[in-house]
């Protein structure tokens, strides 16, 4: 419930991120031993690897935030990601 209230859609390098790929305001984000998202942004090639229905929203969050330039996934997850992103674009 606390993660939902913080707006968490996924996790990126242990950072909880919202649907736009930005870090959530959550206590767990303040005590990480990991690259910061700013440090990650300086890495020239960033590849996300994820699959499955439960990963669609987190994948979209990572892509929206620009944290990855490439995605490795399966066909059904890719179709679900593209479909949901198209639906969001149509609604905007």
PDB file of N, CA and C in Angstrom:
ATOM      1  N   UNK A   1       0.821  -1.197   0.000  1.00  0.00           N
ATOM      2  CA  UNK A   1       0.000   0.000   0.000  1.00  0.00           C
ATOM      3  C   UNK A   1       0.862   1.258   0.000  1.00  0.00           C
ATOM      4  N   UNK A   2       1.968   1.245   0.752  1.00  0.00           N
ATOM      5  CA  UNK A   2       2.840   2.424   0.811  1.00  0.00           C
ATOM      6  C   UNK A   2       3.494   2.673  -0.542  1.00  0.00           C
ATOM      7  N   UNK A   3       3.826   1.607  -1.253  1.00  0.00           N
ATOM      8  CA  UNK A   3       4.435   1.755  -2.577  1.00  0.00           C
ATOM      9  C   UNK A   3       3.441   2.359  -3.557  1.00  0.00           C
ATOM     10  N   UNK A   4       2.189   1.940  -3.467  1.00  0.00           N
ATOM     11  CA  UNK A   4       1.153   2.507  -4.334  1.00  0.00           C
ATOM     12  C   UNK A   4       0.958   3.994  -4.041  1.00  0.00           C
ATOM     13  N   UNK A   5       0.942   4.355  -2.763  1.00  0.00           N
ATOM     14  CA  UNK A   5       0.781   5.766  -2.383  1.00  0.00           C
ATOM     15  C   UNK A   5       1.952   6.606  -2.888  1.00  0.00           C
ATOM     16  N   UNK A   6       3.138   6.006  -2.944  1.00  0.00           N
ATOM     17  CA  UNK A   6       4.323   6.722  -3.444  1.00  0.00           C
ATOM     18  C   UNK A   6       4.319   6.822  -4.967  1.00  0.00           C
ATOM     19  N   UNK A   7       3.410   6.073  -5.611  1.00  0.00           N
ATOM     20  CA  UNK A   7       3.317   6.104  -7.061  1.00  0.00           C
ATOM     21  C   UNK A   7       4.294   5.181  -7.762  1.00  0.00           C
ATOM     22  N   UNK A   8       4.822   4.195  -7.047  1.00  0.00           N
ATOM     23  CA  UNK A   8       5.812   3.283  -7.628  1.00  0.00           C
ATOM     24  C   UNK A   8       5.192   2.410  -8.713  1.00  0.00           C
ATOM     25  N   UNK A   9       5.823   2.417  -9.872  1.00  0.00           N
ATOM     26  CA  UNK A   9       5.416   1.560 -10.986  1.00  0.00           C
ATOM     27  C   UNK A   9       6.444   0.470 -11.234  1.00  0.00           C
ATOM     28  N   UNK A  10       7.658   0.685 -10.757  1.00  0.00           N
ATOM     29  CA  UNK A  10       8.706  -0.293 -11.000  1.00  0.00           C
ATOM     30  C   UNK A  10       9.946   0.033 -10.211  1.00  0.00           C
ATOM     31  N   UNK A  11      10.970  -0.765 -10.474  1.00  0.00           N
ATOM     32  CA  UNK A  11      12.242  -0.634  -9.782  1.00  0.00           C
ATOM     33  C   UNK A  11      13.351  -0.579 -10.825  1.00  0.00           C
ATOM     34  N   UNK A  12      14.278   0.344 -10.637  1.00  0.00           N
ATOM     35  CA  UNK A  12      15.402   0.508 -11.548  1.00  0.00           C
ATOM     36  C   UNK A  12      16.651   0.663 -10.696  1.00  0.00           C
ATOM     37  N   UNK A  13      17.543  -0.321 -10.754  1.00  0.00           N
ATOM     38  CA  UNK A  13      18.742  -0.323  -9.913  1.00  0.00           C
ATOM     39  C   UNK A  13      18.379  -0.141  -8.442  1.00  0.00           C
ATOM     40  N   UNK A  14      17.322  -0.782  -8.019  1.00  0.00           N
ATOM     41  CA  UNK A  14      16.781  -0.750  -6.654  1.00  0.00           C
ATOM     42  C   UNK A  14      16.050   0.549  -6.325  1.00  0.00           C
ATOM     43  N   UNK A  15      16.056   1.534  -7.209  1.00  0.00           N
ATOM     44  CA  UNK A  15      15.312   2.777  -7.008  1.00  0.00           C
ATOM     45  C   UNK A  15      13.852   2.544  -7.409  1.00  0.00           C
ATOM     46  N   UNK A  16      12.929   2.943  -6.575  1.00  0.00           N
ATOM     47  CA  UNK A  16      11.518   2.887  -6.932  1.00  0.00           C
ATOM     48  C   UNK A  16      11.221   4.069  -7.848  1.00  0.00           C
ATOM     49  N   UNK A  17      10.612   3.789  -9.002  1.00  0.00           N
ATOM     50  CA  UNK A  17      10.316   4.846  -9.969  1.00  0.00           C
ATOM     51  C   UNK A  17       8.826   4.896 -10.269  1.00  0.00           C
ATOM     52  N   UNK A  18       8.364   6.098 -10.637  1.00  0.00           N
ATOM     53  CA  UNK A  18       6.961   6.278 -10.995  1.00  0.00           C
ATOM     54  C   UNK A  18       6.764   5.993 -12.481  1.00  0.00           C
ATOM     55  N   UNK A  19       5.565   6.212 -12.998  1.00  0.00           N
ATOM     56  CA  UNK A  19       5.265   5.867 -14.395  1.00  0.00           C
ATOM     57  C   UNK A  19       6.058   6.679 -15.404  1.00  0.00           C
ATOM     58  N   UNK A  20       6.586   7.816 -14.982  1.00  0.00           N
ATOM     59  CA  UNK A  20       7.409   8.608 -15.895  1.00  0.00           C
ATOM     60  C   UNK A  20       8.894   8.257 -15.786  1.00  0.00           C
ATOM     61  N   UNK A  21       9.205   7.292 -14.913  1.00  0.00           N
ATOM     62  CA  UNK A  21      10.593   6.865 -14.749  1.00  0.00           C
ATOM     63  C   UNK A  21      11.389   7.704 -13.771  1.00  0.00           C
ATOM     64  N   UNK A  22      10.726   8.579 -13.058  1.00  0.00           N
ATOM     65  CA  UNK A  22      11.387   9.437 -12.069  1.00  0.00           C
ATOM     66  C   UNK A  22      11.329   8.757 -10.700  1.00  0.00           C
ATOM     67  N   UNK A  23      12.333   8.983  -9.850  1.00  0.00           N
ATOM     68  CA  UNK A  23      12.330   8.368  -8.522  1.00  0.00           C
ATOM     69  C   UNK A  23      11.106   8.797  -7.710  1.00  0.00           C
ATOM     70  N   UNK A  24      10.539   7.840  -6.998  1.00  0.00           N
ATOM     71  CA  UNK A  24       9.401   8.120  -6.107  1.00  0.00           C
ATOM     72  C   UNK A  24       9.912   8.699  -4.795  1.00  0.00           C
ATOM     73  N   UNK A  25       9.039   9.400  -4.111  1.00  0.00           N
ATOM     74  CA  UNK A  25       9.345   9.847  -2.763  1.00  0.00           C
ATOM     75  C   UNK A  25       8.995   8.702  -1.822  1.00  0.00           C
ATOM     76  N   UNK A  26      10.020   7.941  -1.467  1.00  0.00           N
ATOM     77  CA  UNK A  26       9.832   6.783  -0.595  1.00  0.00           C
ATOM     78  C   UNK A  26      11.113   6.595   0.200  1.00  0.00           C
ATOM     79  N   UNK A  27      10.981   6.263   1.463  1.00  0.00           N
ATOM     80  CA  UNK A  27      12.141   6.138   2.349  1.00  0.00           C
ATOM     81  C   UNK A  27      13.187   5.164   1.827  1.00  0.00           C
ATOM     82  N   UNK A  28      12.779   4.103   1.155  1.00  0.00           N
ATOM     83  CA  UNK A  28      13.753   3.116   0.686  1.00  0.00           C
ATOM     84  C   UNK A  28      14.698   3.708  -0.362  1.00  0.00           C
ATOM     85  N   UNK A  29      14.266   4.741  -1.094  1.00  0.00           N
ATOM     86  CA  UNK A  29      15.135   5.371  -2.085  1.00  0.00           C
ATOM     87  C   UNK A  29      16.260   6.183  -1.441  1.00  0.00           C
ATOM     88  N   UNK A  30      16.131   6.481  -0.147  1.00  0.00           N
ATOM     89  CA  UNK A  30      17.124   7.298   0.538  1.00  0.00           C
ATOM     90  C   UNK A  30      18.265   6.496   1.143  1.00  0.00           C
ATOM     91  N   UNK A  31      18.161   5.180   1.120  1.00  0.00           N
ATOM     92  CA  UNK A  31      19.186   4.375   1.793  1.00  0.00           C
ATOM     93  C   UNK A  31      19.729   3.266   0.892  1.00  0.00           C
ATOM     94  N   UNK A  32      19.930   3.593  -0.373  1.00  0.00           N
ATOM     95  CA  UNK A  32      20.417   2.613  -1.337  1.00  0.00           C
ATOM     96  C   UNK A  32      21.924   2.671  -1.484  1.00  0.00           C
ATOM     97  N   UNK A  33      22.492   1.520  -1.774  1.00  0.00           N
ATOM     98  CA  UNK A  33      23.893   1.432  -2.165  1.00  0.00           C
ATOM     99  C   UNK A  33      23.863   0.946  -3.606  1.00  0.00           C
ATOM    100  N   UNK A  34      23.755   1.903  -4.530  1.00  0.00           N
ATOM    101  CA  UNK A  34      23.623   1.596  -5.952  1.00  0.00           C
ATOM    102  C   UNK A  34      23.994   2.848  -6.730  1.00  0.00           C
ATOM    103  N   UNK A  35      24.195   2.686  -8.028  1.00  0.00           N
ATOM    104  CA  UNK A  35      24.349   3.857  -8.874  1.00  0.00           C
ATOM    105  C   UNK A  35      23.123   4.737  -8.712  1.00  0.00           C
ATOM    106  N   UNK A  36      23.336   6.033  -8.751  1.00  0.00           N
ATOM    107  CA  UNK A  36      22.173   6.921  -8.781  1.00  0.00           C
ATOM    108  C   UNK A  36      21.629   6.920 -10.201  1.00  0.00           C
ATOM    109  N   UNK A  37      20.419   7.393 -10.376  1.00  0.00           N
ATOM    110  CA  UNK A  37      19.851   7.455 -11.719  1.00  0.00           C
ATOM    111  C   UNK A  37      20.595   8.482 -12.571  1.00  0.00           C
ATOM    112  N   UNK A  38      21.146   9.519 -11.949  1.00  0.00           N
ATOM    113  CA  UNK A  38      21.972  10.479 -12.689  1.00  0.00           C
ATOM    114  C   UNK A  38      23.264   9.822 -13.179  1.00  0.00           C
ATOM    115  N   UNK A  39      23.863   8.975 -12.349  1.00  0.00           N
ATOM    116  CA  UNK A  39      25.064   8.250 -12.772  1.00  0.00           C
ATOM    117  C   UNK A  39      24.724   7.279 -13.901  1.00  0.00           C
ATOM    118  N   UNK A  40      23.595   6.609 -13.793  1.00  0.00           N
ATOM    119  CA  UNK A  40      23.170   5.681 -14.839  1.00  0.00           C
ATOM    120  C   UNK A  40      22.997   6.410 -16.170  1.00  0.00           C
ATOM    121  N   UNK A  41      22.468   7.615 -16.129  1.00  0.00           N
ATOM    122  CA  UNK A  41      22.219   8.379 -17.357  1.00  0.00           C
ATOM    123  C   UNK A  41      23.508   8.658 -18.126  1.00  0.00           C
ATOM    124  N   UNK A  42      24.644   8.629 -17.453  1.00  0.00           N
ATOM    125  CA  UNK A  42      25.929   8.888 -18.098  1.00  0.00           C
ATOM    126  C   UNK A  42      26.518   7.647 -18.771  1.00  0.00           C
ATOM    127  N   UNK A  43      25.913   6.488 -18.546  1.00  0.00           N
ATOM    128  CA  UNK A  43      26.379   5.253 -19.178  1.00  0.00           C
ATOM    129  C   UNK A  43      25.911   5.280 -20.635  1.00  0.00           C
ATOM    130  N   UNK A  44      26.832   5.130 -21.592  1.00  0.00           N
ATOM    131  CA  UNK A  44      26.445   5.299 -22.991  1.00  0.00           C
ATOM    132  C   UNK A  44      25.445   4.269 -23.527  1.00  0.00           C
ATOM    133  N   UNK A  45      25.538   3.036 -23.100  1.00  0.00           N
ATOM    134  CA  UNK A  45      24.609   2.009 -23.602  1.00  0.00           C
ATOM    135  C   UNK A  45      23.911   1.363 -22.413  1.00  0.00           C
ATOM    136  N   UNK A  46      22.600   1.585 -22.344  1.00  0.00           N
ATOM    137  CA  UNK A  46      21.800   1.063 -21.223  1.00  0.00           C
ATOM    138  C   UNK A  46      20.736   0.118 -21.777  1.00  0.00           C
ATOM    139  N   UNK A  47      20.792  -1.127 -21.339  1.00  0.00           N
ATOM    140  CA  UNK A  47      19.903  -2.166 -21.851  1.00  0.00           C
ATOM    141  C   UNK A  47      19.016  -2.672 -20.720  1.00  0.00           C
ATOM    142  N   UNK A  48      17.716  -2.622 -20.921  1.00  0.00           N
ATOM    143  CA  UNK A  48      16.754  -3.176 -19.961  1.00  0.00           C
ATOM    144  C   UNK A  48      16.403  -4.589 -20.398  1.00  0.00           C
ATOM    145  N   UNK A  49      16.278  -5.488 -19.425  1.00  0.00           N
ATOM    146  CA  UNK A  49      15.899  -6.868 -19.691  1.00  0.00           C
ATOM    147  C   UNK A  49      14.738  -7.210 -18.755  1.00  0.00           C
ATOM    148  N   UNK A  50      13.578  -7.495 -19.334  1.00  0.00           N
ATOM    149  CA  UNK A  50      12.400  -7.831 -18.526  1.00  0.00           C
ATOM    150  C   UNK A  50      11.355  -8.483 -19.420  1.00  0.00           C
ATOM    151  N   UNK A  51      10.510  -9.312 -18.827  1.00  0.00           N
ATOM    152  CA  UNK A  51       9.409  -9.917 -19.586  1.00  0.00           C
ATOM    153  C   UNK A  51       8.282 -10.307 -18.649  1.00  0.00           C
ATOM    154  N   UNK A  52       7.119 -10.474 -19.229  1.00  0.00           N
ATOM    155  CA  UNK A  52       5.946 -10.911 -18.481  1.00  0.00           C
ATOM    156  C   UNK A  52       4.941  -9.795 -18.260  1.00  0.00           C
ATOM    157  N   UNK A  53       3.702 -10.190 -18.055  1.00  0.00           N
ATOM    158  CA  UNK A  53       2.610  -9.230 -17.868  1.00  0.00           C
ATOM    159  C   UNK A  53       2.863  -8.281 -16.702  1.00  0.00           C
ATOM    160  N   UNK A  54       3.457  -8.790 -15.619  1.00  0.00           N
ATOM    161  CA  UNK A  54       3.697  -7.960 -14.436  1.00  0.00           C
ATOM    162  C   UNK A  54       4.797  -6.930 -14.662  1.00  0.00           C
ATOM    163  N   UNK A  55       5.534  -7.062 -15.740  1.00  0.00           N
ATOM    164  CA  UNK A  55       6.642  -6.144 -16.014  1.00  0.00           C
ATOM    165  C   UNK A  55       6.285  -5.048 -17.013  1.00  0.00           C
ATOM    166  N   UNK A  56       5.085  -5.075 -17.565  1.00  0.00           N
ATOM    167  CA  UNK A  56       4.702  -4.095 -18.588  1.00  0.00           C
ATOM    168  C   UNK A  56       4.784  -2.674 -18.038  1.00  0.00           C
ATOM    169  N   UNK A  57       4.151  -2.398 -16.919  1.00  0.00           N
ATOM    170  CA  UNK A  57       4.183  -1.041 -16.346  1.00  0.00           C
ATOM    171  C   UNK A  57       5.606  -0.618 -15.971  1.00  0.00           C
ATOM    172  N   UNK A  58       6.402  -1.486 -15.316  1.00  0.00           N
ATOM    173  CA  UNK A  58       7.778  -1.077 -15.029  1.00  0.00           C
ATOM    174  C   UNK A  58       8.607  -0.817 -16.289  1.00  0.00           C
ATOM    175  N   UNK A  59       8.420  -1.609 -17.324  1.00  0.00           N
ATOM    176  CA  UNK A  59       9.146  -1.384 -18.584  1.00  0.00           C
ATOM    177  C   UNK A  59       8.783  -0.016 -19.144  1.00  0.00           C
ATOM    178  N   UNK A  60       7.507   0.312 -19.155  1.00  0.00           N
ATOM    179  CA  UNK A  60       7.066   1.606 -19.674  1.00  0.00           C
ATOM    180  C   UNK A  60       7.666   2.744 -18.854  1.00  0.00           C
ATOM    181  N   UNK A  61       7.706   2.582 -17.543  1.00  0.00           N
ATOM    182  CA  UNK A  61       8.290   3.616 -16.684  1.00  0.00           C
ATOM    183  C   UNK A  61       9.763   3.837 -17.024  1.00  0.00           C
ATOM    184  N   UNK A  62      10.500   2.747 -17.207  1.00  0.00           N
ATOM    185  CA  UNK A  62      11.929   2.854 -17.543  1.00  0.00           C
ATOM    186  C   UNK A  62      12.114   3.517 -18.903  1.00  0.00           C
ATOM    187  N   UNK A  63      11.290   3.130 -19.873  1.00  0.00           N
ATOM    188  CA  UNK A  63      11.391   3.738 -21.203  1.00  0.00           C
ATOM    189  C   UNK A  63      10.987   5.210 -21.173  1.00  0.00           C
ATOM    190  N   UNK A  64       9.914   5.529 -20.449  1.00  0.00           N
ATOM    191  CA  UNK A  64       9.466   6.924 -20.344  1.00  0.00           C
ATOM    192  C   UNK A  64      10.531   7.811 -19.715  1.00  0.00           C
ATOM    193  N   UNK A  65      11.254   7.265 -18.750  1.00  0.00           N
ATOM    194  CA  UNK A  65      12.284   8.030 -18.063  1.00  0.00           C
ATOM    195  C   UNK A  65      13.596   8.102 -18.816  1.00  0.00           C
ATOM    196  N   UNK A  66      13.696   7.386 -19.924  1.00  0.00           N
ATOM    197  CA  UNK A  66      14.923   7.405 -20.713  1.00  0.00           C
ATOM    198  C   UNK A  66      16.069   6.642 -20.078  1.00  0.00           C
ATOM    199  N   UNK A  67      15.768   5.771 -19.125  1.00  0.00           N
ATOM    200  CA  UNK A  67      16.820   5.037 -18.422  1.00  0.00           C
ATOM    201  C   UNK A  67      17.431   3.929 -19.268  1.00  0.00           C
ATOM    202  N   UNK A  68      16.760   3.521 -20.322  1.00  0.00           N
ATOM    203  CA  UNK A  68      17.286   2.479 -21.206  1.00  0.00           C
ATOM    204  C   UNK A  68      17.030   2.875 -22.649  1.00  0.00           C
ATOM    205  N   UNK A  69      18.002   2.602 -23.477  1.00  0.00           N
ATOM    206  CA  UNK A  69      17.852   2.871 -24.899  1.00  0.00           C
ATOM    207  C   UNK A  69      17.511   1.627 -25.689  1.00  0.00           C
ATOM    208  N   UNK A  70      17.652   0.476 -25.036  1.00  0.00           N
ATOM    209  CA  UNK A  70      17.369  -0.803 -25.681  1.00  0.00           C
ATOM    210  C   UNK A  70      16.608  -1.687 -24.699  1.00  0.00           C
ATOM    211  N   UNK A  71      15.787  -2.570 -25.244  1.00  0.00           N
ATOM    212  CA  UNK A  71      14.987  -3.478 -24.425  1.00  0.00           C
ATOM    213  C   UNK A  71      15.098  -4.887 -24.971  1.00  0.00           C
ATOM    214  N   UNK A  72      15.367  -5.831 -24.081  1.00  0.00           N
ATOM    215  CA  UNK A  72      15.341  -7.244 -24.421  1.00  0.00           C
ATOM    216  C   UNK A  72      14.131  -7.838 -23.716  1.00  0.00           C
ATOM    217  N   UNK A  73      13.192  -8.388 -24.505  1.00  0.00           N
ATOM    218  CA  UNK A  73      11.982  -8.970 -23.933  1.00  0.00           C
ATOM    219  C   UNK A  73      11.422 -10.000 -24.898  1.00  0.00           C
ATOM    220  N   UNK A  74      10.325 -10.606 -24.531  1.00  0.00           N
ATOM    221  CA  UNK A  74       9.675 -11.573 -25.414  1.00  0.00           C
ATOM    222  C   UNK A  74       8.590 -10.878 -26.234  1.00  0.00           C
ATOM    223  N   UNK A  75       8.080 -11.590 -27.222  1.00  0.00           N
ATOM    224  CA  UNK A  75       7.114 -11.033 -28.166  1.00  0.00           C
ATOM    225  C   UNK A  75       5.836 -10.557 -27.482  1.00  0.00           C
ATOM    226  N   UNK A  76       5.282 -11.352 -26.593  1.00  0.00           N
ATOM    227  CA  UNK A  76       4.001 -10.958 -25.982  1.00  0.00           C
ATOM    228  C   UNK A  76       4.166  -9.747 -25.065  1.00  0.00           C
ATOM    229  N   UNK A  77       5.274  -9.659 -24.358  1.00  0.00           N
ATOM    230  CA  UNK A  77       5.508  -8.488 -23.514  1.00  0.00           C
ATOM    231  C   UNK A  77       5.712  -7.253 -24.383  1.00  0.00           C
ATOM    232  N   UNK A  78       6.474  -7.396 -25.466  1.00  0.00           N
ATOM    233  CA  UNK A  78       6.699  -6.265 -26.372  1.00  0.00           C
ATOM    234  C   UNK A  78       5.377  -5.746 -26.928  1.00  0.00           C
ATOM    235  N   UNK A  79       4.501  -6.655 -27.330  1.00  0.00           N
ATOM    236  CA  UNK A  79       3.197  -6.240 -27.857  1.00  0.00           C
ATOM    237  C   UNK A  79       2.366  -5.519 -26.796  1.00  0.00           C
ATOM    238  N   UNK A  80       2.421  -6.021 -25.568  1.00  0.00           N
ATOM    239  CA  UNK A  80       1.665  -5.388 -24.483  1.00  0.00           C
ATOM    240  C   UNK A  80       2.213  -3.996 -24.175  1.00  0.00           C
ATOM    241  N   UNK A  81       3.539  -3.845 -24.172  1.00  0.00           N
ATOM    242  CA  UNK A  81       4.160  -2.538 -23.921  1.00  0.00           C
ATOM    243  C   UNK A  81       3.757  -1.553 -25.015  1.00  0.00           C
ATOM    244  N   UNK A  82       3.913  -1.954 -26.259  1.00  0.00           N
ATOM    245  CA  UNK A  82       3.571  -1.067 -27.377  1.00  0.00           C
ATOM    246  C   UNK A  82       2.079  -0.714 -27.337  1.00  0.00           C
ATOM    247  N   UNK A  83       1.234  -1.699 -27.090  1.00  0.00           N
ATOM    248  CA  UNK A  83      -0.209  -1.448 -27.024  1.00  0.00           C
ATOM    249  C   UNK A  83      -0.577  -0.465 -25.944  1.00  0.00           C
ATOM    250  N   UNK A  84      -0.002  -0.630 -24.761  1.00  0.00           N
ATOM    251  CA  UNK A  84      -0.326   0.283 -23.664  1.00  0.00           C
ATOM    252  C   UNK A  84       0.221   1.683 -23.925  1.00  0.00           C
ATOM    253  N   UNK A  85       1.410   1.753 -24.523  1.00  0.00           N
ATOM    254  CA  UNK A  85       1.975   3.076 -24.815  1.00  0.00           C
ATOM    255  C   UNK A  85       1.164   3.777 -25.900  1.00  0.00           C
ATOM    256  N   UNK A  86       0.676   3.043 -26.888  1.00  0.00           N
ATOM    257  CA  UNK A  86      -0.182   3.627 -27.914  1.00  0.00           C
ATOM    258  C   UNK A  86      -1.492   4.109 -27.318  1.00  0.00           C
ATOM    259  N   UNK A  87      -2.068   3.312 -26.392  1.00  0.00           N
ATOM    260  CA  UNK A  87      -3.310   3.707 -25.739  1.00  0.00           C
ATOM    261  C   UNK A  87      -3.103   5.001 -24.943  1.00  0.00           C
ATOM    262  N   UNK A  88      -1.968   5.117 -24.258  1.00  0.00           N
ATOM    263  CA  UNK A  88      -1.675   6.331 -23.477  1.00  0.00           C
ATOM    264  C   UNK A  88      -1.508   7.532 -24.397  1.00  0.00           C
ATOM    265  N   UNK A  89      -0.855   7.327 -25.538  1.00  0.00           N
ATOM    266  CA  UNK A  89      -0.665   8.426 -26.489  1.00  0.00           C
ATOM    267  C   UNK A  89      -1.993   8.872 -27.073  1.00  0.00           C
ATOM    268  N   UNK A  90      -2.873   7.917 -27.348  1.00  0.00           N
ATOM    269  CA  UNK A  90      -4.195   8.249 -27.892  1.00  0.00           C
ATOM    270  C   UNK A  90      -5.034   9.011 -26.883  1.00  0.00           C
ATOM    271  N   UNK A  91      -4.885   8.687 -25.598  1.00  0.00           N
ATOM    272  CA  UNK A  91      -5.669   9.331 -24.556  1.00  0.00           C
ATOM    273  C   UNK A  91      -5.180  10.751 -24.258  1.00  0.00           C
ATOM    274  N   UNK A  92      -3.945  11.023 -24.614  1.00  0.00           N
ATOM    275  CA  UNK A  92      -3.342  12.347 -24.288  1.00  0.00           C
ATOM    276  C   UNK A  92      -3.786  13.434 -25.214  1.00  0.00           C
TER     277      UNK A  92
END
